[in-house]
PDB file of N, CA and C in Angstrom:
ATOM      1  N   MET A   1      46.730  16.142   9.235  1.00  0.00           N
ATOM      2  CA  MET A   1      45.724  16.983   8.789  1.00  0.00           C
ATOM      3  C   MET A   1      44.319  16.640   9.554  1.00  0.00           C
ATOM      4  N   LYS A   2      43.705  17.742  10.041  1.00  0.00           N
ATOM      5  CA  LYS A   2      42.442  17.480  10.604  1.00  0.00           C
ATOM      6  C   LYS A   2      41.261  17.476   9.570  1.00  0.00           C
ATOM      7  N   LYS A   3      40.425  16.562   9.895  1.00  0.00           N
ATOM      8  CA  LYS A   3      39.295  16.308   8.950  1.00  0.00           C
ATOM      9  C   LYS A   3      38.300  17.222   9.376  1.00  0.00           C
ATOM     10  N   VAL A   4      37.499  18.005   8.384  1.00  0.00           N
ATOM     11  CA  VAL A   4      36.500  18.941   8.683  1.00  0.00           C
ATOM     12  C   VAL A   4      35.178  18.122   8.568  1.00  0.00           C
ATOM     13  N   ALA A   5      34.388  18.140   9.750  1.00  0.00           N
ATOM     14  CA  ALA A   5      33.084  17.553   9.806  1.00  0.00           C
ATOM     15  C   ALA A   5      32.154  18.003   8.483  1.00  0.00           C
ATOM     16  N   ASP A   6      31.671  17.039   7.804  1.00  0.00           N
ATOM     17  CA  ASP A   6      30.560  17.530   6.796  1.00  0.00           C
ATOM     18  C   ASP A   6      29.177  18.109   7.236  1.00  0.00           C
ATOM     19  N   LYS A   7      28.901  18.898   6.500  1.00  0.00           N
ATOM     20  CA  LYS A   7      27.425  19.455   6.870  1.00  0.00           C
ATOM     21  C   LYS A   7      26.355  18.329   6.612  1.00  0.00           C
ATOM     22  N   PRO A   8      25.529  18.354   7.654  1.00  0.00           N
ATOM     23  CA  PRO A   8      24.521  17.170   7.547  1.00  0.00           C
ATOM     24  C   PRO A   8      23.710  17.381   6.473  1.00  0.00           C
ATOM     25  N   ALA A   9      23.123  16.283   5.831  1.00  0.00           N
ATOM     26  CA  ALA A   9      22.093  16.518   4.759  1.00  0.00           C
ATOM     27  C   ALA A   9      20.839  17.039   4.995  1.00  0.00           C
ATOM     28  N   LYS A  10      20.161  17.627   4.283  1.00  0.00           N
ATOM     29  CA  LYS A  10      18.806  18.382   4.525  1.00  0.00           C
ATOM     30  C   LYS A  10      17.933  17.122   4.485  1.00  0.00           C
ATOM     31  N   LEU A  11      16.831  17.173   5.510  1.00  0.00           N
ATOM     32  CA  LEU A  11      15.971  16.104   5.614  1.00  0.00           C
ATOM     33  C   LEU A  11      14.846  16.546   5.014  1.00  0.00           C
ATOM     34  N   HIS A  12      13.881  15.573   4.903  1.00  0.00           N
ATOM     35  CA  HIS A  12      12.416  15.823   4.303  1.00  0.00           C
ATOM     36  C   HIS A  12      11.382  16.229   5.348  1.00  0.00           C
ATOM     37  N   ILE A  13      11.833  16.079   6.657  1.00  0.00           N
ATOM     38  CA  ILE A  13      10.834  16.376   7.633  1.00  0.00           C
ATOM     39  C   ILE A  13      11.245  17.596   8.505  1.00  0.00           C
ATOM     40  N   LYS A  14      10.269  18.335   9.090  1.00  0.00           N
ATOM     41  CA  LYS A  14      10.709  19.400   9.884  1.00  0.00           C
ATOM     42  C   LYS A  14       9.912  19.333  11.213  1.00  0.00           C
ATOM     43  N   LYS A  15      10.272  20.128  12.275  1.00  0.00           N
ATOM     44  CA  LYS A  15       9.357  20.039  13.414  1.00  0.00           C
ATOM     45  C   LYS A  15       8.207  20.877  13.024  1.00  0.00           C
ATOM     46  N   GLY A  16       6.980  20.194  13.610  1.00  0.00           N
ATOM     47  CA  GLY A  16       5.891  20.642  13.185  1.00  0.00           C
ATOM     48  C   GLY A  16       4.998  20.003  12.187  1.00  0.00           C
ATOM     49  N   ASP A  17       5.796  19.251  11.333  1.00  0.00           N
ATOM     50  CA  ASP A  17       5.189  18.591  10.043  1.00  0.00           C
ATOM     51  C   ASP A  17       4.205  17.443  10.633  1.00  0.00           C
ATOM     52  N   ALA A  18       3.028  17.181  10.002  1.00  0.00           N
ATOM     53  CA  ALA A  18       2.216  16.181  10.274  1.00  0.00           C
ATOM     54  C   ALA A  18       2.739  14.905   9.533  1.00  0.00           C
ATOM     55  N   VAL A  19       3.010  13.735  10.061  1.00  0.00           N
ATOM     56  CA  VAL A  19       3.658  12.613   9.537  1.00  0.00           C
ATOM     57  C   VAL A  19       2.720  11.299   9.731  1.00  0.00           C
ATOM     58  N   LYS A  20       3.127  10.311   8.827  1.00  0.00           N
ATOM     59  CA  LYS A  20       2.529   9.137   9.014  1.00  0.00           C
ATOM     60  C   LYS A  20       3.608   8.132   9.162  1.00  0.00           C
ATOM     61  N   VAL A  21       3.657   7.014  10.068  1.00  0.00           N
ATOM     62  CA  VAL A  21       4.480   6.074  10.298  1.00  0.00           C
ATOM     63  C   VAL A  21       4.377   4.921   9.192  1.00  0.00           C
ATOM     64  N   LEU A  22       5.477   4.582   8.671  1.00  0.00           N
ATOM     65  CA  LEU A  22       5.369   3.536   7.420  1.00  0.00           C
ATOM     66  C   LEU A  22       5.532   2.256   8.017  1.00  0.00           C
ATOM     67  N   SER A  23       6.512   2.076   8.982  1.00  0.00           N
ATOM     68  CA  SER A  23       6.870   0.549   9.459  1.00  0.00           C
ATOM     69  C   SER A  23       7.059   0.726  10.981  1.00  0.00           C
ATOM     70  N   GLY A  24       7.141  -0.422  11.511  1.00  0.00           N
ATOM     71  CA  GLY A  24       7.483  -0.683  12.956  1.00  0.00           C
ATOM     72  C   GLY A  24       6.220  -0.940  13.728  1.00  0.00           C
ATOM     73  N   ASN A  25       6.313  -0.906  15.006  1.00  0.00           N
ATOM     74  CA  ASN A  25       5.206  -1.191  15.929  1.00  0.00           C
ATOM     75  C   ASN A  25       4.105  -0.026  15.932  1.00  0.00           C
ATOM     76  N   SER A  26       4.296   1.047  15.479  1.00  0.00           N
ATOM     77  CA  SER A  26       3.437   2.163  15.279  1.00  0.00           C
ATOM     78  C   SER A  26       2.915   2.334  14.101  1.00  0.00           C
ATOM     79  N   LYS A  27       2.985   1.233  13.021  1.00  0.00           N
ATOM     80  CA  LYS A  27       2.783   1.457  11.606  1.00  0.00           C
ATOM     81  C   LYS A  27       1.248   1.975  11.501  1.00  0.00           C
ATOM     82  N   GLY A  28       1.173   2.984  10.702  1.00  0.00           N
ATOM     83  CA  GLY A  28      -0.171   3.563  10.335  1.00  0.00           C
ATOM     84  C   GLY A  28      -0.719   4.616  11.145  1.00  0.00           C
ATOM     85  N   GLN A  29       0.033   4.692  12.233  1.00  0.00           N
ATOM     86  CA  GLN A  29      -0.369   6.002  13.175  1.00  0.00           C
ATOM     87  C   GLN A  29       0.345   7.355  12.691  1.00  0.00           C
ATOM     88  N   THR A  30      -0.382   8.451  13.041  1.00  0.00           N
ATOM     89  CA  THR A  30      -0.118   9.808  12.579  1.00  0.00           C
ATOM     90  C   THR A  30       0.149  10.681  13.666  1.00  0.00           C
ATOM     91  N   GLY A  31       0.942  11.624  13.536  1.00  0.00           N
ATOM     92  CA  GLY A  31       1.158  12.589  14.585  1.00  0.00           C
ATOM     93  C   GLY A  31       1.875  13.665  13.993  1.00  0.00           C
ATOM     94  N   THR A  32       2.198  14.650  14.908  1.00  0.00           N
ATOM     95  CA  THR A  32       3.034  15.917  14.512  1.00  0.00           C
ATOM     96  C   THR A  32       4.407  15.828  15.027  1.00  0.00           C
ATOM     97  N   ILE A  33       5.464  16.245  14.534  1.00  0.00           N
ATOM     98  CA  ILE A  33       6.923  15.982  15.052  1.00  0.00           C
ATOM     99  C   ILE A  33       7.156  17.044  16.037  1.00  0.00           C
ATOM    100  N   LEU A  34       7.811  16.488  17.183  1.00  0.00           N
ATOM    101  CA  LEU A  34       7.911  17.364  18.312  1.00  0.00           C
ATOM    102  C   LEU A  34       9.456  17.985  18.312  1.00  0.00           C
ATOM    103  N   ARG A  35      10.470  16.850  17.610  1.00  0.00           N
ATOM    104  CA  ARG A  35      11.661  17.235  17.378  1.00  0.00           C
ATOM    105  C   ARG A  35      12.593  16.475  16.605  1.00  0.00           C
ATOM    106  N   VAL A  36      13.539  16.978  16.098  1.00  0.00           N
ATOM    107  CA  VAL A  36      14.213  16.092  15.097  1.00  0.00           C
ATOM    108  C   VAL A  36      15.775  16.180  15.500  1.00  0.00           C
ATOM    109  N   LEU A  37      16.300  14.930  15.397  1.00  0.00           N
ATOM    110  CA  LEU A  37      17.651  14.647  15.725  1.00  0.00           C
ATOM    111  C   LEU A  37      18.364  14.366  14.538  1.00  0.00           C
ATOM    112  N   VAL A  38      18.928  15.505  13.966  1.00  0.00           N
ATOM    113  CA  VAL A  38      19.571  15.528  12.743  1.00  0.00           C
ATOM    114  C   VAL A  38      20.837  14.509  12.504  1.00  0.00           C
ATOM    115  N   ASP A  39      21.629  14.601  13.506  1.00  0.00           N
ATOM    116  CA  ASP A  39      22.934  13.830  13.538  1.00  0.00           C
ATOM    117  C   ASP A  39      22.441  12.399  13.668  1.00  0.00           C
ATOM    118  N   LYS A  40      21.314  11.924  14.411  1.00  0.00           N
ATOM    119  CA  LYS A  40      21.039  10.415  14.406  1.00  0.00           C
ATOM    120  C   LYS A  40      20.127  10.076  13.292  1.00  0.00           C
ATOM    121  N   GLN A  41      19.401  11.059  12.476  1.00  0.00           N
ATOM    122  CA  GLN A  41      18.618  10.735  11.565  1.00  0.00           C
ATOM    123  C   GLN A  41      17.260  10.279  12.059  1.00  0.00           C
ATOM    124  N   ARG A  42      16.905  10.741  13.409  1.00  0.00           N
ATOM    125  CA  ARG A  42      15.727  10.247  13.915  1.00  0.00           C
ATOM    126  C   ARG A  42      14.867  11.452  14.332  1.00  0.00           C
ATOM    127  N   ALA A  43      13.582  11.026  14.718  1.00  0.00           N
ATOM    128  CA  ALA A  43      12.468  12.140  15.059  1.00  0.00           C
ATOM    129  C   ALA A  43      11.608  11.539  16.331  1.00  0.00           C
ATOM    130  N   VAL A  44      11.221  12.672  16.907  1.00  0.00           N
ATOM    131  CA  VAL A  44      10.268  12.298  18.043  1.00  0.00           C
ATOM    132  C   VAL A  44       8.679  12.729  17.463  1.00  0.00           C
ATOM    133  N   VAL A  45       7.824  11.860  17.463  1.00  0.00           N
ATOM    134  CA  VAL A  45       6.592  12.240  16.946  1.00  0.00           C
ATOM    135  C   VAL A  45       5.511  11.978  18.089  1.00  0.00           C
ATOM    136  N   GLU A  46       4.595  13.017  18.093  1.00  0.00           N
ATOM    137  CA  GLU A  46       3.674  13.118  19.100  1.00  0.00           C
ATOM    138  C   GLU A  46       2.848  11.806  19.179  1.00  0.00           C
ATOM    139  N   GLY A  47       2.644  11.278  20.397  1.00  0.00           N
ATOM    140  CA  GLY A  47       1.694  10.158  20.715  1.00  0.00           C
ATOM    141  C   GLY A  47       2.216   8.804  19.791  1.00  0.00           C
ATOM    142  N   VAL A  48       3.315   8.739  19.281  1.00  0.00           N
ATOM    143  CA  VAL A  48       3.743   7.676  18.716  1.00  0.00           C
ATOM    144  C   VAL A  48       4.920   6.937  18.997  1.00  0.00           C
ATOM    145  N   ASN A  49       5.208   5.545  19.164  1.00  0.00           N
ATOM    146  CA  ASN A  49       6.242   4.826  19.689  1.00  0.00           C
ATOM    147  C   ASN A  49       6.375   5.270  20.990  1.00  0.00           C
ATOM    148  N   MET A  50       5.511   4.904  21.931  1.00  0.00           N
ATOM    149  CA  MET A  50       5.531   5.335  23.457  1.00  0.00           C
ATOM    150  C   MET A  50       6.235   4.319  24.149  1.00  0.00           C
ATOM    151  N   ILE A  51       7.191   4.838  24.934  1.00  0.00           N
ATOM    152  CA  ILE A  51       7.985   3.911  25.670  1.00  0.00           C
ATOM    153  C   ILE A  51       7.763   4.196  27.229  1.00  0.00           C
ATOM    154  N   THR A  52       8.287   3.381  28.222  1.00  0.00           N
ATOM    155  CA  THR A  52       8.170   3.571  29.512  1.00  0.00           C
ATOM    156  C   THR A  52       9.514   3.755  30.109  1.00  0.00           C
ATOM    157  N   LYS A  53       9.494   4.978  30.794  1.00  0.00           N
ATOM    158  CA  LYS A  53      11.018   5.616  31.191  1.00  0.00           C
ATOM    159  C   LYS A  53      10.671   5.451  32.864  1.00  0.00           C
ATOM    160  N   HIS A  54      11.901   4.858  33.312  1.00  0.00           N
ATOM    161  CA  HIS A  54      12.009   4.714  34.879  1.00  0.00           C
ATOM    162  C   HIS A  54      12.467   5.890  35.524  1.00  0.00           C
ATOM    163  N   VAL A  55      11.655   6.552  36.441  1.00  0.00           N
ATOM    164  CA  VAL A  55      12.354   8.044  37.054  1.00  0.00           C
ATOM    165  C   VAL A  55      12.715   7.451  38.294  1.00  0.00           C
ATOM    166  N   LYS A  56      13.917   7.965  38.613  1.00  0.00           N
ATOM    167  CA  LYS A  56      14.537   7.727  39.903  1.00  0.00           C
ATOM    168  C   LYS A  56      13.792   8.510  41.048  1.00  0.00           C
ATOM    169  N   PRO A  57      13.970   8.154  42.230  1.00  0.00           N
ATOM    170  CA  PRO A  57      13.154   9.074  43.476  1.00  0.00           C
ATOM    171  C   PRO A  57      14.181  10.327  43.612  1.00  0.00           C
ATOM    172  N   SER A  58      13.447  11.435  43.815  1.00  0.00           N
ATOM    173  CA  SER A  58      14.221  12.643  44.277  1.00  0.00           C
ATOM    174  C   SER A  58      13.265  13.480  45.303  1.00  0.00           C
ATOM    175  N   ALA A  59      14.095  14.627  45.581  1.00  0.00           N
ATOM    176  CA  ALA A  59      13.272  15.368  46.602  1.00  0.00           C
ATOM    177  C   ALA A  59      11.841  15.648  46.180  1.00  0.00           C
ATOM    178  N   ALA A  60      11.639  15.971  45.100  1.00  0.00           N
ATOM    179  CA  ALA A  60      10.283  16.610  44.500  1.00  0.00           C
ATOM    180  C   ALA A  60       9.415  15.315  44.323  1.00  0.00           C
ATOM    181  N   ASN A  61      10.017  14.170  44.011  1.00  0.00           N
ATOM    182  CA  ASN A  61       9.177  12.899  43.745  1.00  0.00           C
ATOM    183  C   ASN A  61       9.972  11.812  44.446  1.00  0.00           C
ATOM    184  N   PRO A  62       9.758  11.716  45.907  1.00  0.00           N
ATOM    185  CA  PRO A  62      10.405  10.658  46.572  1.00  0.00           C
ATOM    186  C   PRO A  62       9.995   9.311  46.250  1.00  0.00           C
ATOM    187  N   GLN A  63       8.675   8.949  45.686  1.00  0.00           N
ATOM    188  CA  GLN A  63       8.467   7.562  45.385  1.00  0.00           C
ATOM    189  C   GLN A  63       9.228   7.018  44.054  1.00  0.00           C
ATOM    190  N   GLY A  64       9.547   8.115  43.152  1.00  0.00           N
ATOM    191  CA  GLY A  64       9.848   7.640  41.816  1.00  0.00           C
ATOM    192  C   GLY A  64       8.683   7.025  40.981  1.00  0.00           C
ATOM    193  N   SER A  65       8.811   7.036  39.821  1.00  0.00           N
ATOM    194  CA  SER A  65       7.705   6.488  38.983  1.00  0.00           C
ATOM    195  C   SER A  65       8.113   5.998  37.726  1.00  0.00           C
ATOM    196  N   LEU A  66       7.019   5.529  36.875  1.00  0.00           N
ATOM    197  CA  LEU A  66       7.104   5.063  35.627  1.00  0.00           C
ATOM    198  C   LEU A  66       6.525   6.078  34.677  1.00  0.00           C
ATOM    199  N   GLU A  67       7.237   6.518  33.759  1.00  0.00           N
ATOM    200  CA  GLU A  67       6.783   7.645  32.850  1.00  0.00           C
ATOM    201  C   GLU A  67       6.601   7.287  31.393  1.00  0.00           C
ATOM    202  N   LYS A  68       5.447   7.495  30.664  1.00  0.00           N
ATOM    203  CA  LYS A  68       5.268   7.082  29.332  1.00  0.00           C
ATOM    204  C   LYS A  68       5.681   8.273  28.583  1.00  0.00           C
ATOM    205  N   ARG A  69       6.363   8.060  27.719  1.00  0.00           N
ATOM    206  CA  ARG A  69       6.960   9.140  26.654  1.00  0.00           C
ATOM    207  C   ARG A  69       7.129   8.948  25.428  1.00  0.00           C
ATOM    208  N   GLU A  70       7.448   9.560  24.582  1.00  0.00           N
ATOM    209  CA  GLU A  70       7.477   9.302  23.075  1.00  0.00           C
ATOM    210  C   GLU A  70       8.983   8.800  22.755  1.00  0.00           C
ATOM    211  N   GLY A  71       9.235   7.866  22.146  1.00  0.00           N
ATOM    212  CA  GLY A  71      10.510   7.330  21.506  1.00  0.00           C
ATOM    213  C   GLY A  71      10.818   7.938  20.319  1.00  0.00           C
ATOM    214  N   THR A  72      12.105   7.641  19.932  1.00  0.00           N
ATOM    215  CA  THR A  72      12.469   8.289  18.557  1.00  0.00           C
ATOM    216  C   THR A  72      12.137   7.236  17.443  1.00  0.00           C
ATOM    217  N   ILE A  73      11.898   7.686  16.295  1.00  0.00           N
ATOM    218  CA  ILE A  73      11.783   6.791  15.053  1.00  0.00           C
ATOM    219  C   ILE A  73      12.553   7.439  13.893  1.00  0.00           C
ATOM    220  N   HIS A  74      13.166   6.350  13.253  1.00  0.00           N
ATOM    221  CA  HIS A  74      14.045   6.583  12.077  1.00  0.00           C
ATOM    222  C   HIS A  74      13.325   7.448  11.137  1.00  0.00           C
ATOM    223  N   ILE A  75      14.010   8.542  10.618  1.00  0.00           N
ATOM    224  CA  ILE A  75      13.150   9.403   9.577  1.00  0.00           C
ATOM    225  C   ILE A  75      12.856   8.601   8.290  1.00  0.00           C
ATOM    226  N   SER A  76      13.353   7.553   7.915  1.00  0.00           N
ATOM    227  CA  SER A  76      13.014   6.772   6.686  1.00  0.00           C
ATOM    228  C   SER A  76      11.739   6.092   6.954  1.00  0.00           C
ATOM    229  N   ASN A  77      11.371   5.782   8.093  1.00  0.00           N
ATOM    230  CA  ASN A  77      10.077   5.476   8.480  1.00  0.00           C
ATOM    231  C   ASN A  77       8.754   6.480   8.598  1.00  0.00           C
ATOM    232  N   LEU A  78       9.191   7.611   8.186  1.00  0.00           N
ATOM    233  CA  LEU A  78       7.942   8.572   8.245  1.00  0.00           C
ATOM    234  C   LEU A  78       7.949   9.208   6.919  1.00  0.00           C
ATOM    235  N   MET A  79       6.595   9.502   6.679  1.00  0.00           N
ATOM    236  CA  MET A  79       6.293  10.286   5.613  1.00  0.00           C
ATOM    237  C   MET A  79       5.476  11.378   5.619  1.00  0.00           C
ATOM    238  N   VAL A  80       5.570  12.549   5.150  1.00  0.00           N
ATOM    239  CA  VAL A  80       4.853  13.750   5.339  1.00  0.00           C
ATOM    240  C   VAL A  80       3.593  13.628   4.888  1.00  0.00           C
ATOM    241  N   ILE A  81       2.494  14.353   5.525  1.00  0.00           N
ATOM    242  CA  ILE A  81       1.065  14.338   5.184  1.00  0.00           C
ATOM    243  C   ILE A  81       0.851  15.662   4.423  1.00  0.00           C
ATOM    244  N   ASP A  82       0.400  15.516   3.094  1.00  0.00           N
ATOM    245  CA  ASP A  82       0.107  16.797   2.229  1.00  0.00           C
ATOM    246  C   ASP A  82      -0.984  17.460   2.976  1.00  0.00           C
ATOM    247  N   PRO A  83      -0.946  18.692   3.477  1.00  0.00           N
ATOM    248  CA  PRO A  83      -1.932  19.483   4.025  1.00  0.00           C
ATOM    249  C   PRO A  83      -3.253  19.664   3.168  1.00  0.00           C
ATOM    250  N   ALA A  84      -2.995  19.801   1.877  1.00  0.00           N
ATOM    251  CA  ALA A  84      -4.212  19.962   0.906  1.00  0.00           C
ATOM    252  C   ALA A  84      -5.041  18.697   0.835  1.00  0.00           C
ATOM    253  N   THR A  85      -4.555  17.476   0.877  1.00  0.00           N
ATOM    254  CA  THR A  85      -5.326  16.195   0.689  1.00  0.00           C
ATOM    255  C   THR A  85      -5.277  15.378   2.056  1.00  0.00           C
ATOM    256  N   ASN A  86      -4.482  15.538   2.899  1.00  0.00           N
ATOM    257  CA  ASN A  86      -4.252  14.921   4.200  1.00  0.00           C
ATOM    258  C   ASN A  86      -4.034  13.313   3.677  1.00  0.00           C
ATOM    259  N   GLU A  87      -3.267  13.187   2.708  1.00  0.00           N
ATOM    260  CA  GLU A  87      -2.547  11.936   2.192  1.00  0.00           C
ATOM    261  C   GLU A  87      -1.234  12.001   2.438  1.00  0.00           C
ATOM    262  N   PRO A  88      -0.546  10.995   2.759  1.00  0.00           N
ATOM    263  CA  PRO A  88       0.982  10.778   2.895  1.00  0.00           C
ATOM    264  C   PRO A  88       1.582  11.061   1.384  1.00  0.00           C
ATOM    265  N   THR A  89       2.539  11.788   1.325  1.00  0.00           N
ATOM    266  CA  THR A  89       3.281  12.026   0.100  1.00  0.00           C
ATOM    267  C   THR A  89       4.858  12.271   0.204  1.00  0.00           C
ATOM    268  N   ARG A  90       5.299  11.871  -1.055  1.00  0.00           N
ATOM    269  CA  ARG A  90       6.710  12.077  -1.108  1.00  0.00           C
ATOM    270  C   ARG A  90       7.027  13.579  -1.327  1.00  0.00           C
ATOM    271  N   THR A  91       8.116  14.016  -0.998  1.00  0.00           N
ATOM    272  CA  THR A  91       8.600  15.448  -1.131  1.00  0.00           C
ATOM    273  C   THR A  91       9.609  15.712  -1.937  1.00  0.00           C
ATOM    274  N   GLY A  92       9.661  16.893  -2.755  1.00  0.00           N
ATOM    275  CA  GLY A  92      10.861  17.192  -3.369  1.00  0.00           C
ATOM    276  C   GLY A  92      11.007  18.605  -3.068  1.00  0.00           C
ATOM    277  N   ARG A  93      12.104  19.378  -3.745  1.00  0.00           N
ATOM    278  CA  ARG A  93      12.454  20.833  -3.525  1.00  0.00           C
ATOM    279  C   ARG A  93      12.544  21.525  -4.874  1.00  0.00           C
ATOM    280  N   LYS A  94      11.846  22.663  -4.811  1.00  0.00           N
ATOM    281  CA  LYS A  94      11.908  23.322  -6.207  1.00  0.00           C
ATOM    282  C   LYS A  94      11.780  24.990  -5.787  1.00  0.00           C
ATOM    283  N   LEU A  95      12.288  25.810  -6.690  1.00  0.00           N
ATOM    284  CA  LEU A  95      12.333  27.224  -6.384  1.00  0.00           C
ATOM    285  C   LEU A  95      10.893  27.764  -6.360  1.00  0.00           C
ATOM    286  N   ASN A  96      10.795  28.642  -5.459  1.00  0.00           N
ATOM    287  CA  ASN A  96       9.350  29.234  -5.227  1.00  0.00           C
ATOM    288  C   ASN A  96       9.554  30.747  -5.928  1.00  0.00           C
ATOM    289  N   ASP A  97       8.585  31.700  -5.869  1.00  0.00           N
ATOM    290  CA  ASP A  97       8.438  32.879  -6.489  1.00  0.00           C
ATOM    291  C   ASP A  97       9.788  33.777  -6.092  1.00  0.00           C
ATOM    292  N   LYS A  98      10.195  33.585  -4.926  1.00  0.00           N
ATOM    293  CA  LYS A  98      11.220  34.472  -4.562  1.00  0.00           C
ATOM    294  C   LYS A  98      12.557  33.758  -4.661  1.00  0.00           C
ATOM    295  N   ASP A  99      12.703  32.833  -5.498  1.00  0.00           N
ATOM    296  CA  ASP A  99      13.951  31.985  -5.849  1.00  0.00           C
ATOM    297  C   ASP A  99      14.478  31.432  -4.768  1.00  0.00           C
ATOM    298  N   LYS A 100      13.523  30.984  -3.879  1.00  0.00           N
ATOM    299  CA  LYS A 100      14.149  30.185  -2.657  1.00  0.00           C
ATOM    300  C   LYS A 100      13.674  28.768  -2.814  1.00  0.00           C
ATOM    301  N   LEU A 101      14.533  27.654  -2.213  1.00  0.00           N
ATOM    302  CA  LEU A 101      14.045  26.428  -2.376  1.00  0.00           C
ATOM    303  C   LEU A 101      13.035  26.250  -1.327  1.00  0.00           C
ATOM    304  N   GLN A 102      11.886  25.479  -1.709  1.00  0.00           N
ATOM    305  CA  GLN A 102      10.769  25.074  -0.987  1.00  0.00           C
ATOM    306  C   GLN A 102      10.296  23.686  -1.169  1.00  0.00           C
ATOM    307  N   ARG A 103       9.978  23.138  -0.122  1.00  0.00           N
ATOM    308  CA  ARG A 103       9.535  21.662  -0.223  1.00  0.00           C
ATOM    309  C   ARG A 103       8.097  21.637  -1.032  1.00  0.00           C
ATOM    310  N   TYR A 104       7.782  20.697  -1.721  1.00  0.00           N
ATOM    311  CA  TYR A 104       6.523  20.446  -2.476  1.00  0.00           C
ATOM    312  C   TYR A 104       6.114  19.135  -2.483  1.00  0.00           C
ATOM    313  N   SER A 105       4.823  18.940  -2.532  1.00  0.00           N
ATOM    314  CA  SER A 105       4.146  17.496  -2.741  1.00  0.00           C
ATOM    315  C   SER A 105       4.466  17.005  -3.994  1.00  0.00           C
ATOM    316  N   LYS A 106       5.040  15.615  -4.248  1.00  0.00           N
ATOM    317  CA  LYS A 106       5.109  15.162  -5.429  1.00  0.00           C
ATOM    318  C   LYS A 106       3.658  14.636  -5.940  1.00  0.00           C
ATOM    319  N   LYS A 107       2.843  14.375  -5.174  1.00  0.00           N
ATOM    320  CA  LYS A 107       1.385  13.968  -5.600  1.00  0.00           C
ATOM    321  C   LYS A 107       0.648  15.134  -6.244  1.00  0.00           C
ATOM    322  N   THR A 108       0.572  16.226  -5.362  1.00  0.00           N
ATOM    323  CA  THR A 108      -0.284  17.569  -6.061  1.00  0.00           C
ATOM    324  C   THR A 108       0.837  18.464  -6.760  1.00  0.00           C
ATOM    325  N   GLY A 109       1.914  18.587  -6.264  1.00  0.00           N
ATOM    326  CA  GLY A 109       2.779  19.790  -6.892  1.00  0.00           C
ATOM    327  C   GLY A 109       2.759  21.031  -6.159  1.00  0.00           C
ATOM    328  N   ASN A 110       1.741  21.080  -5.036  1.00  0.00           N
ATOM    329  CA  ASN A 110       1.835  22.180  -4.197  1.00  0.00           C
ATOM    330  C   ASN A 110       2.782  22.354  -3.392  1.00  0.00           C
ATOM    331  N   PHE A 111       3.248  23.531  -2.952  1.00  0.00           N
ATOM    332  CA  PHE A 111       4.185  23.728  -1.735  1.00  0.00           C
ATOM    333  C   PHE A 111       3.821  23.317  -0.533  1.00  0.00           C
ATOM    334  N   ILE A 112       4.497  22.922   0.488  1.00  0.00           N
ATOM    335  CA  ILE A 112       3.957  22.370   1.845  1.00  0.00           C
ATOM    336  C   ILE A 112       4.334  23.442   2.719  1.00  0.00           C
TER     337      ILE A 112
END
């Protein structure tokens, strides 16, 4: 019997969110999320966790180069910044006026 793949769990972060890094080399830095890798539970945050990538020579770039780009960070090390207070906050989900689940700030109670 074939096993059906489970649906991935909902994450507390989305593309475009402002987040603060809680731990690691980039601890304390803030940025916006550029990409979320749901299957790996990781995210790419703008200007955070910069890594050096070696680019091979090609016809367009015969010299090759070293390129700085953002690396991924595990989502457990990220916390959403509440737009109302500009402070990091935990998030929850509750029904809005239209009976749709929406994220809210646990500190202020406002929808994000």
